[in-house]
C-alpha atoms as a PDB file:
ATOM      1  CA  MET A   1      31.988  74.124 115.073  1.00  0.00           C
ATOM      2  CA  ASN A   2      32.361  73.496 118.423  1.00  0.00           C
ATOM      3  CA  LEU A   3      35.046  73.649 120.733  1.00  0.00           C
ATOM      4  CA  ARG A   4      35.005  69.991 121.300  1.00  0.00           C
ATOM      5  CA  LYS A   5      34.729  69.005 117.742  1.00  0.00           C
ATOM      6  CA  SER A   6      37.491  71.342 116.754  1.00  0.00           C
ATOM      7  CA  SER A   7      40.174  69.662 119.649  1.00  0.00           C
ATOM      8  CA  ILE A   8      38.796  65.907 118.469  1.00  0.00           C
ATOM      9  CA  LEU A   9      39.816  67.165 115.115  1.00  0.00           C
ATOM     10  CA  LEU A  10      43.413  68.481 116.037  1.00  0.00           C
ATOM     11  CA  VAL A  11      44.492  66.019 118.706  1.00  0.00           C
ATOM     12  CA  ILE A  12      43.683  63.480 115.689  1.00  0.00           C
ATOM     13  CA  ALA A  13      45.263  65.311 112.927  1.00  0.00           C
ATOM     14  CA  SER A  14      48.461  65.535 115.267  1.00  0.00           C
ATOM     15  CA  LEU A  15      48.288  61.482 115.639  1.00  0.00           C
ATOM     16  CA  ALA A  16      48.237  60.983 112.044  1.00  0.00           C
ATOM     17  CA  MET A  17      50.968  63.677 111.437  1.00  0.00           C
ATOM     18  CA  VAL A  18      53.137  62.026 114.286  1.00  0.00           C
ATOM     19  CA  GLY A  19      52.585  58.323 112.752  1.00  0.00           C
ATOM     20  CA  GLY A  20      53.531  59.244 109.670  1.00  0.00           C
ATOM     21  CA  LEU A  21      56.844  61.096 110.994  1.00  0.00           C
ATOM     22  CA  PHE A  22      56.932  57.479 112.761  1.00  0.00           C
ATOM     23  CA  ALA A  23      56.516  55.177 109.676  1.00  0.00           C
ATOM     24  CA  ASP A  24      59.030  57.915 107.641  1.00  0.00           C
ATOM     25  CA  HIS A  25      61.648  57.550 110.220  1.00  0.00           C
ATOM     26  CA  HIS A  26      60.914  52.782 110.298  1.00  0.00           C
ATOM     27  CA  HIS A  27      61.378  53.282 106.396  1.00  0.00           C
ATOM     28  CA  PHE A  28      64.305  54.784 106.571  1.00  0.00           C
ATOM     29  CA  VAL A  29      65.769  52.248 108.988  1.00  0.00           C
ATOM     30  CA  ASN A  30      64.597  49.818 106.961  1.00  0.00           C
ATOM     31  CA  ALA A  31      66.488  51.105 104.509  1.00  0.00           C
ATOM     32  CA  MET A  32      69.961  51.170 106.232  1.00  0.00           C
ATOM     33  CA  LYS A  33      69.252  47.406 107.914  1.00  0.00           C
ATOM     34  CA  GLY A  34      68.458  46.590 104.011  1.00  0.00           C
ATOM     35  CA  VAL A  35      71.864  48.088 102.730  1.00  0.00           C
ATOM     36  CA  GLY A  36      73.941  46.655 106.296  1.00  0.00           C
ATOM     37  CA  GLY A  37      72.332  43.309 105.409  1.00  0.00           C
ATOM     38  CA  VAL A  38      74.105  42.523 101.501  1.00  0.00           C
ATOM     39  CA  MET A  39      76.978  44.913 102.489  1.00  0.00           C
ATOM     40  CA  GLY A  40      79.105  41.556 103.570  1.00  0.00           C
ATOM     41  CA  PRO A  41      76.660  39.187 100.953  1.00  0.00           C
ATOM     42  CA  THR A  42      77.800  41.391  98.089  1.00  0.00           C
ATOM     43  CA  GLY A  43      81.589  41.732  98.923  1.00  0.00           C
ATOM     44  CA  LYS A  44      82.153  38.404  98.994  1.00  0.00           C
ATOM     45  CA  ALA A  45      79.999  38.130  95.727  1.00  0.00           C
ATOM     46  CA  VAL A  46      82.388  40.384  93.825  1.00  0.00           C
ATOM     47  CA  ALA A  47      85.263  38.615  95.284  1.00  0.00           C
ATOM     48  CA  ALA A  48      84.042  34.889  93.771  1.00  0.00           C
ATOM     49  CA  GLY A  49      82.509  36.742  90.591  1.00  0.00           C
ATOM     50  CA  ASP A  50      79.199  36.178  91.129  1.00  0.00           C
ATOM     51  CA  MET A  51      77.626  38.848  88.944  1.00  0.00           C
ATOM     52  CA  ASP A  52      74.120  38.347  89.535  1.00  0.00           C
ATOM     53  CA  THR A  53      74.123  38.093  93.399  1.00  0.00           C
ATOM     54  CA  VAL A  54      75.994  41.925  92.541  1.00  0.00           C
ATOM     55  CA  LYS A  55      73.078  42.943  90.123  1.00  0.00           C
ATOM     56  CA  LYS A  56      70.541  41.780  92.339  1.00  0.00           C
ATOM     57  CA  ASN A  57      72.265  43.667  95.744  1.00  0.00           C
ATOM     58  CA  ALA A  58      73.651  46.615  94.061  1.00  0.00           C
ATOM     59  CA  ASN A  59      69.763  47.560  92.701  1.00  0.00           C
ATOM     60  CA  GLN A  60      68.836  46.877  96.460  1.00  0.00           C
ATOM     61  CA  MET A  61      71.221  49.028  97.427  1.00  0.00           C
ATOM     62  CA  ALA A  62      70.263  52.043  95.186  1.00  0.00           C
ATOM     63  CA  ARG A  63      66.737  51.688  95.926  1.00  0.00           C
ATOM     64  CA  ASN A  64      67.728  52.180  99.645  1.00  0.00           C
ATOM     65  CA  PHE A  65      69.835  54.814  99.130  1.00  0.00           C
ATOM     66  CA  ALA A  66      67.057  56.579  97.036  1.00  0.00           C
ATOM     67  CA  LEU A  67      64.657  56.428 100.032  1.00  0.00           C
ATOM     68  CA  MET A  68      67.492  57.507 102.567  1.00  0.00           C
ATOM     69  CA  ALA A  69      68.160  60.854  99.996  1.00  0.00           C
ATOM     70  CA  ALA A  70      64.753  61.715 100.096  1.00  0.00           C
ATOM     71  CA  TRP A  71      64.490  60.489 104.204  1.00  0.00           C
ATOM     72  CA  PHE A  72      67.129  63.524 104.605  1.00  0.00           C
ATOM     73  CA  GLU A  73      66.024  65.682 101.983  1.00  0.00           C
ATOM     74  CA  GLY A  74      62.674  66.195 103.931  1.00  0.00           C
ATOM     75  CA  ARG A  75      64.590  67.127 106.713  1.00  0.00           C
ATOM     76  CA  GLY A  76      66.809  69.826 105.027  1.00  0.00           C
ATOM     77  CA  THR A  77      70.657  68.136 105.234  1.00  0.00           C
ATOM     78  CA  THR A  78      71.997  69.112 102.540  1.00  0.00           C
ATOM     79  CA  ALA A  79      74.933  67.325 103.383  1.00  0.00           C
ATOM     80  CA  ALA A  80      73.711  64.137 103.897  1.00  0.00           C
ATOM     81  CA  VAL A  81      71.683  63.969 100.785  1.00  0.00           C
ATOM     82  CA  LYS A  82      74.305  64.815  98.833  1.00  0.00           C
ATOM     83  CA  LEU A  83      76.207  61.816 100.310  1.00  0.00           C
ATOM     84  CA  ALA A  84      72.859  59.325  99.946  1.00  0.00           C
ATOM     85  CA  ASP A  85      73.100  60.394  96.407  1.00  0.00           C
ATOM     86  CA  ALA A  86      76.858  59.942  95.678  1.00  0.00           C
ATOM     87  CA  ALA A  87      76.110  56.284  97.261  1.00  0.00           C
ATOM     88  CA  MET A  88      72.645  55.834  95.277  1.00  0.00           C
ATOM     89  CA  GLN A  89      75.043  56.479  91.997  1.00  0.00           C
ATOM     90  CA  ASP A  90      77.809  53.569  93.475  1.00  0.00           C
ATOM     91  CA  ALA A  91      75.649  51.183  93.855  1.00  0.00           C
ATOM     92  CA  VAL A  92      73.868  52.238  89.919  1.00  0.00           C
ATOM     93  CA  ALA A  93      77.669  51.824  88.882  1.00  0.00           C
ATOM     94  CA  LEU A  94      78.140  48.625  90.623  1.00  0.00           C
ATOM     95  CA  ARG A  95      75.128  47.268  88.953  1.00  0.00           C
ATOM     96  CA  LYS A  96      76.620  48.493  85.350  1.00  0.00           C
ATOM     97  CA  ALA A  97      79.850  46.890  86.104  1.00  0.00           C
ATOM     98  CA  ALA A  98      77.970  43.882  86.838  1.00  0.00           C
ATOM     99  CA  ASN A  99      75.645  43.514  83.894  1.00  0.00           C
ATOM    100  CA  ALA A 100      78.776  43.739  82.119  1.00  0.00           C
ATOM    101  CA  GLY A 101      80.520  41.287  83.927  1.00  0.00           C
ATOM    102  CA  ASP A 102      83.293  43.693  84.511  1.00  0.00           C
ATOM    103  CA  ALA A 103      85.004  42.226  87.853  1.00  0.00           C
ATOM    104  CA  ALA A 104      87.924  44.676  88.196  1.00  0.00           C
ATOM    105  CA  ALA A 105      85.120  48.125  87.889  1.00  0.00           C
ATOM    106  CA  ALA A 106      82.529  45.847  90.427  1.00  0.00           C
ATOM    107  CA  LYS A 107      85.171  45.640  93.066  1.00  0.00           C
ATOM    108  CA  GLU A 108      86.473  49.522  92.628  1.00  0.00           C
ATOM    109  CA  ALA A 109      82.637  50.572  92.723  1.00  0.00           C
ATOM    110  CA  PHE A 110      82.200  48.573  95.812  1.00  0.00           C
ATOM    111  CA  GLY A 111      85.002  50.028  96.918  1.00  0.00           C
ATOM    112  CA  ALA A 112      82.716  53.494  96.573  1.00  0.00           C
ATOM    113  CA  VAL A 113      79.789  52.335  97.777  1.00  0.00           C
ATOM    114  CA  ARG A 114      81.886  51.072 100.931  1.00  0.00           C
ATOM    115  CA  GLY A 115      83.310  54.602 100.847  1.00  0.00           C
ATOM    116  CA  SER A 116      79.852  56.834 100.696  1.00  0.00           C
ATOM    117  CA  CYS A 117      78.749  54.412 103.634  1.00  0.00           C
ATOM    118  CA  LYS A 118      81.429  55.278 105.823  1.00  0.00           C
ATOM    119  CA  ALA A 119      81.326  58.910 104.632  1.00  0.00           C
ATOM    120  CA  CYS A 120      78.229  58.979 105.734  1.00  0.00           C
ATOM    121  CA  HIS A 121      78.418  57.569 109.127  1.00  0.00           C
ATOM    122  CA  SER A 122      81.660  59.430 110.164  1.00  0.00           C
ATOM    123  CA  ALA A 123      79.655  62.853 109.345  1.00  0.00           C
ATOM    124  CA  HIS A 124      76.087  62.074 110.717  1.00  0.00           C
ATOM    125  CA  ARG A 125      75.759  58.957 112.470  1.00  0.00           C
ATOM    126  CA  VAL A 126      76.813  58.048 115.774  1.00  0.00           C
ATOM    127  CA  LYS A 127      77.304  54.251 117.124  1.00  0.00           C
ATOM    128  CA  ASN A 128      75.812  53.923 120.590  1.00  0.00           C
ATOM    129  CA  ASP A 129      76.598  51.898 123.403  1.00  0.00           C
ATOM    130  CA  ASP A 130      74.119  49.048 122.852  1.00  0.00           C
ATOM    131  CA  GLY A 131      75.536  48.716 118.735  1.00  0.00           C
ATOM    132  CA  SER A 132      72.894  50.425 117.257  1.00  0.00           C
ATOM    133  CA  TYR A 133      73.141  54.272 115.315  1.00  0.00           C
ATOM    134  CA  GLY A 134      71.805  57.247 116.217  1.00  0.00           C
ATOM    135  CA  PHE A 135      72.149  60.901 114.503  1.00  0.00           C
ATOM    136  CA  LYS A 136      74.997  63.206 115.797  1.00  0.00           C
ATOM    137  CA  GLN A 137      74.017  66.647 116.871  1.00  0.00           C
END
């Protein structure tokens, strides 16, 4: 293979790798937004005893927390993986409480989900001046 062909293949491989990183980060951001988008409605549903909404939202949260854990794992951020895994387990507990129609357990589990979010953000995230979040160094 000549130098020109090798260089072109190297550029294509590099672009594919960078594109994969951007896509991966995009999935992480969407997972964060997915959780953030259902937190308020889930809290209201828990308070109102609307367990169907709680179940649906808890499922979405659990899927998104799993994506976040995988994203952090790919970056070797063990502490963040543990927090995302804990949040996923809290979301599963929320879904189980909703399935059982146990409003008290749902309230407790939702508090645990909120606590997991806060713990991870406190340890790993920083709020930018524009309201978006970045990562602590």
